[in-house]
Protein backbone atom coordinates (compact mmCIF):
# COMPACT_ATOMS: atom_id res chain seq x y z
CA UNK A 1 -0.01 0.15 0.11
CA UNK A 2 1.34 3.47 -1.22
CA UNK A 3 0.84 6.49 0.97
CA UNK A 4 -1.24 8.92 -0.82
CA UNK A 5 0.61 12.36 -1.00
CA UNK A 6 -0.72 16.07 -0.35
CA UNK A 7 -1.05 16.37 -3.99
CA UNK A 8 -3.35 13.75 -3.92
CA UNK A 9 -5.54 15.48 -1.42
CA UNK A 10 -8.44 17.31 -1.30
CA UNK A 11 -8.14 20.88 -2.23
CA UNK A 12 -9.96 22.15 1.09
CA UNK A 13 -7.49 20.29 3.14
CA UNK A 14 -4.29 21.90 1.27
CA UNK A 15 -6.18 25.18 1.19
CA UNK A 16 -6.72 25.09 4.95
CA UNK A 17 -3.34 24.18 5.61
CA UNK A 18 -1.69 27.08 3.72
CA UNK A 19 -4.13 29.32 5.65
CA UNK A 20 -3.42 28.06 8.74
CA UNK A 21 -0.16 27.39 9.26
CA UNK A 22 2.68 29.74 9.03
CA UNK A 23 4.43 29.04 5.55
CA UNK A 24 7.53 28.26 7.36
CA UNK A 25 5.98 25.13 8.57
CA UNK A 26 4.03 23.55 6.06
CA UNK A 27 7.12 21.57 4.86
CA UNK A 28 6.63 20.30 8.45
CA UNK A 29 3.05 19.94 8.59
CA UNK A 30 2.99 17.77 4.98
CA UNK A 31 5.96 15.22 6.97
CA UNK A 32 3.70 15.09 9.97
CA UNK A 33 0.81 13.11 7.97
CA UNK A 34 3.82 10.29 6.53
CA UNK A 35 2.79 8.24 8.73
CA UNK A 36 -0.65 7.48 8.25
CA UNK A 37 -0.86 5.12 5.57
CA UNK A 38 -4.05 5.68 3.66
CA UNK A 39 -5.43 8.09 5.53
CA UNK A 40 -9.25 9.10 4.38
CA UNK A 41 -10.24 12.32 3.25
CA UNK A 42 -12.72 12.36 6.44
CA UNK A 43 -9.18 11.60 8.62
CA UNK A 44 -7.52 14.41 7.05
CA UNK A 45 -9.70 17.14 7.32
CA UNK A 46 -10.55 15.94 10.73
CA UNK A 47 -6.46 16.24 12.03
CA UNK A 48 -6.19 19.77 10.20
CA UNK A 49 -9.51 20.95 11.94
CA UNK A 50 -8.50 20.02 15.14
CA UNK A 51 -5.47 21.07 14.96
CA UNK A 52 -6.34 24.72 14.61
CA UNK A 53 -2.85 25.81 13.37
CA UNK A 54 -0.82 24.71 15.39
CA UNK A 55 1.85 22.28 14.76
CA UNK A 56 2.62 20.70 18.33
CA UNK A 57 -1.68 20.11 17.97
CA UNK A 58 -0.97 18.85 14.33
CA UNK A 59 1.45 16.16 15.57
CA UNK A 60 -0.45 15.49 18.79
CA UNK A 61 -4.01 14.32 16.23
CA UNK A 62 -1.78 12.57 13.55
CA UNK A 63 -0.68 10.15 16.06
CA UNK A 64 -3.93 9.75 17.87
CA UNK A 65 -5.41 8.67 14.44
CA UNK A 66 -2.49 6.67 13.87
CA UNK A 67 -4.29 4.30 16.47
CA UNK A 68 -7.82 5.74 16.19
CA UNK A 69 -8.73 7.25 13.54
CA UNK A 70 -12.19 6.85 14.21
CA UNK A 71 -12.07 8.61 17.42
CA UNK A 72 -10.13 11.65 16.03
CA UNK A 73 -13.38 12.06 13.20
CA UNK A 74 -15.78 12.13 15.85
CA UNK A 75 -13.99 14.39 17.87
CA UNK A 76 -13.65 16.93 14.89
CA UNK A 77 -17.46 16.12 14.25
CA UNK A 78 -19.35 16.30 17.16
CA UNK A 79 -19.53 19.27 19.75
CA UNK A 80 -19.21 17.36 23.69
CA UNK A 81 -18.78 20.78 25.28
CA UNK A 82 -22.61 21.46 25.15
CA UNK A 83 -24.08 20.58 28.41
CA UNK A 84 -23.56 16.62 28.18
CA UNK A 85 -25.03 16.27 25.09
CA UNK A 86 -23.37 15.12 22.17
CA UNK A 87 -24.24 16.99 18.98
CA UNK A 88 -22.88 16.68 15.71
CA UNK A 89 -21.59 19.70 14.12
CA UNK A 90 -19.90 19.16 10.96
CA UNK A 91 -19.51 16.26 8.24
CA UNK A 92 -16.40 15.63 7.04
CA UNK A 93 -17.34 13.54 4.42
CA UNK A 94 -18.07 16.99 3.01
CA UNK A 95 -15.37 19.59 2.21
CA UNK A 96 -14.61 22.35 4.93
CA UNK A 97 -17.09 24.83 4.59
CA UNK A 98 -15.46 28.79 4.18
CA UNK A 99 -16.00 29.57 7.82
CA UNK A 100 -13.86 27.31 8.72
CA UNK A 101 -11.43 28.14 5.93
CA UNK A 102 -10.93 31.55 6.85
CA UNK A 103 -11.83 33.27 4.11
């Protein structure tokens, strides 16, 4: 199995990375994903959204995604900070919306 490179990733994921990470960190950002074999589009979206533009957070979520990809997607799609409810707030099967892209 080969690892998909950034050129094969969805446009919205690459745009999010370029808008939220400093240019000097871009190579490091893409290198962090090397440990994920064939990450789904949903998983890529989850990791970048959860990282919120922080390289250390990105590293944390990539590491977690290698072990628990479904959990990482759930964390990104659901907001369990709202009381005791676990509300689905986004669907990462769809591209990251413009609000999250920061345009």
